[in-house]
Each structure stands twice: as C-alpha cells, then as structure tokens.
Amino acid sequence: MAKTEVYSWRLSPELKAELETLARREGRSLADLLEDISRRWLRESRSADDGEEQARLHAVARRFAGSVEIDDPDLSTTVRERVRDRLRQRHAG
C-alpha cells in the first residue's frame, strides 16, 4: 500500500530511543515499525470491542429470553414444550 499521509507527534526521548533501537534490531524503518504497531493495536482494540459488544448483547437477550434449568436426560425431545410453558408462566403474571 502506498503511504501518502504524514502524521507527527511528540515522544519522550527515552521512548523514541527505544523505538529506534527496536526498528534497527528488526532491520526496518521507524515509520514501518510504528505503522505495524498501530495496525496491531487497532486490530486488538476492535477484537476487544467486539467481545464487549457480544457480552452486552447476550446480557440484553438474557433479560428477554430468561433461562431454563431442566434436569431431563430426554431434553432434546421435550425442550420445545418446556420452553413454551416457561414463557407462558413468565408472561401470564
């Protein structure tokens, strides 16, 4: 990808020196290192946001759907009736 944008910000001399040392050790430019670090941070941030959003959506869904606790070895054949009964009870009162 062609790089056409320039962005600058202030760093402490210590941080700049550490970044330059790492870039030299990896045989790459400081700009390339900073772009890679930025991309990784964005990807990880999106992943964290997705996880938080999924947790929020699950919490909302649980409020509306509730949960069913059934000790039944034949659950797969009776679950539809039991869920309907539970919903009727929940919305009857």
Protein backbone atom coordinates (compact mmCIF):
# COMPACT_ATOMS: atom_id res chain seq x y z
CA MET A 1 0.00 0.00 0.00
CA ALA A 2 1.38 3.40 -0.93
CA LYS A 3 1.94 5.66 2.04
CA THR A 4 0.75 9.17 1.32
CA GLU A 5 -0.14 10.60 4.73
CA VAL A 6 2.25 12.18 7.21
CA TYR A 7 1.48 12.34 10.91
CA SER A 8 3.74 13.58 13.66
CA TRP A 9 3.52 13.59 17.43
CA ARG A 10 5.80 14.24 20.36
CA LEU A 11 7.53 11.40 22.17
CA SER A 12 9.77 11.36 25.18
CA PRO A 13 13.43 10.99 24.22
CA GLU A 14 13.51 7.63 26.01
CA LEU A 15 10.57 6.20 24.06
CA LYS A 16 11.95 7.47 20.76
CA ALA A 17 15.32 5.87 21.50
CA GLU A 18 13.66 2.54 22.38
CA LEU A 19 11.60 2.58 19.18
CA GLU A 20 14.63 3.43 17.05
CA THR A 21 16.63 0.65 18.70
CA LEU A 22 13.86 -1.87 18.04
CA ALA A 23 13.49 -0.75 14.42
CA ARG A 24 17.25 -1.08 13.86
CA ARG A 25 17.30 -4.51 15.52
CA GLU A 26 14.48 -5.68 13.24
CA GLY A 27 16.09 -4.12 10.16
CA ARG A 28 13.20 -1.84 9.35
CA SER A 29 12.43 1.85 9.30
CA LEU A 30 10.93 3.60 12.27
CA ALA A 31 7.91 4.54 10.14
CA ASP A 32 7.35 0.88 9.21
CA LEU A 33 7.63 -0.19 12.85
CA LEU A 34 5.17 2.48 14.00
CA GLU A 35 2.69 1.54 11.28
CA ASP A 36 2.89 -2.12 12.30
CA ILE A 37 2.43 -1.26 15.99
CA SER A 38 -0.55 0.97 15.13
CA ARG A 39 -2.20 -1.70 12.97
CA ARG A 40 -1.80 -4.36 15.66
CA TRP A 41 -3.21 -2.05 18.32
CA LEU A 42 -6.23 -1.20 16.15
CA ARG A 43 -6.89 -4.88 15.38
CA GLU A 44 -6.67 -5.83 19.06
CA SER A 45 -8.87 -2.90 20.07
CA ARG A 46 -11.52 -3.95 17.57
CA SER A 47 -11.39 -7.51 18.87
CA ALA A 48 -11.79 -6.30 22.44
CA ASP A 49 -14.69 -4.06 21.42
CA ASP A 50 -16.36 -6.96 19.62
CA GLY A 51 -16.10 -9.12 22.72
CA GLU A 52 -17.57 -6.39 24.90
CA GLU A 53 -20.37 -5.79 22.42
CA GLN A 54 -21.17 -9.51 22.28
CA ALA A 55 -21.28 -9.65 26.09
CA ARG A 56 -23.64 -6.65 26.14
CA LEU A 57 -25.92 -8.21 23.52
CA HIS A 58 -26.01 -11.51 25.40
CA ALA A 59 -26.96 -9.72 28.62
CA VAL A 60 -29.83 -7.94 26.84
CA ALA A 61 -31.01 -11.20 25.26
CA ARG A 62 -30.96 -12.96 28.64
CA ARG A 63 -33.24 -10.29 30.10
CA PHE A 64 -35.85 -11.03 27.46
CA ALA A 65 -35.39 -14.76 26.98
CA GLY A 66 -34.55 -15.85 30.51
CA SER A 67 -33.03 -19.22 31.11
CA VAL A 68 -34.33 -22.70 31.55
CA GLU A 69 -32.83 -25.16 34.01
CA ILE A 70 -34.04 -28.68 33.41
CA ASP A 71 -32.72 -31.96 34.74
CA ASP A 72 -34.01 -34.19 32.00
CA PRO A 73 -32.00 -36.86 30.18
CA ASP A 74 -34.52 -36.66 27.33
CA LEU A 75 -34.22 -32.91 27.00
CA SER A 76 -33.92 -32.79 23.22
CA THR A 77 -37.43 -34.20 22.72
CA THR A 78 -39.19 -32.12 25.38
CA VAL A 79 -37.42 -28.78 25.25
CA ARG A 80 -39.97 -27.10 22.94
CA GLU A 81 -42.86 -27.82 25.30
CA ARG A 82 -40.90 -26.83 28.38
CA VAL A 83 -39.76 -23.53 26.86
CA ARG A 84 -43.31 -22.70 25.80
CA ASP A 85 -44.57 -23.49 29.31
CA ARG A 86 -41.87 -21.31 30.83
CA LEU A 87 -42.72 -18.41 28.53
CA ARG A 88 -46.44 -18.75 29.27
CA GLN A 89 -45.73 -18.69 33.01
CA ARG A 90 -43.42 -15.73 32.69
CA HIS A 91 -45.84 -13.63 30.65
CA ALA A 92 -49.02 -14.69 32.43
CA GLY A 93 -48.27 -12.73 35.61
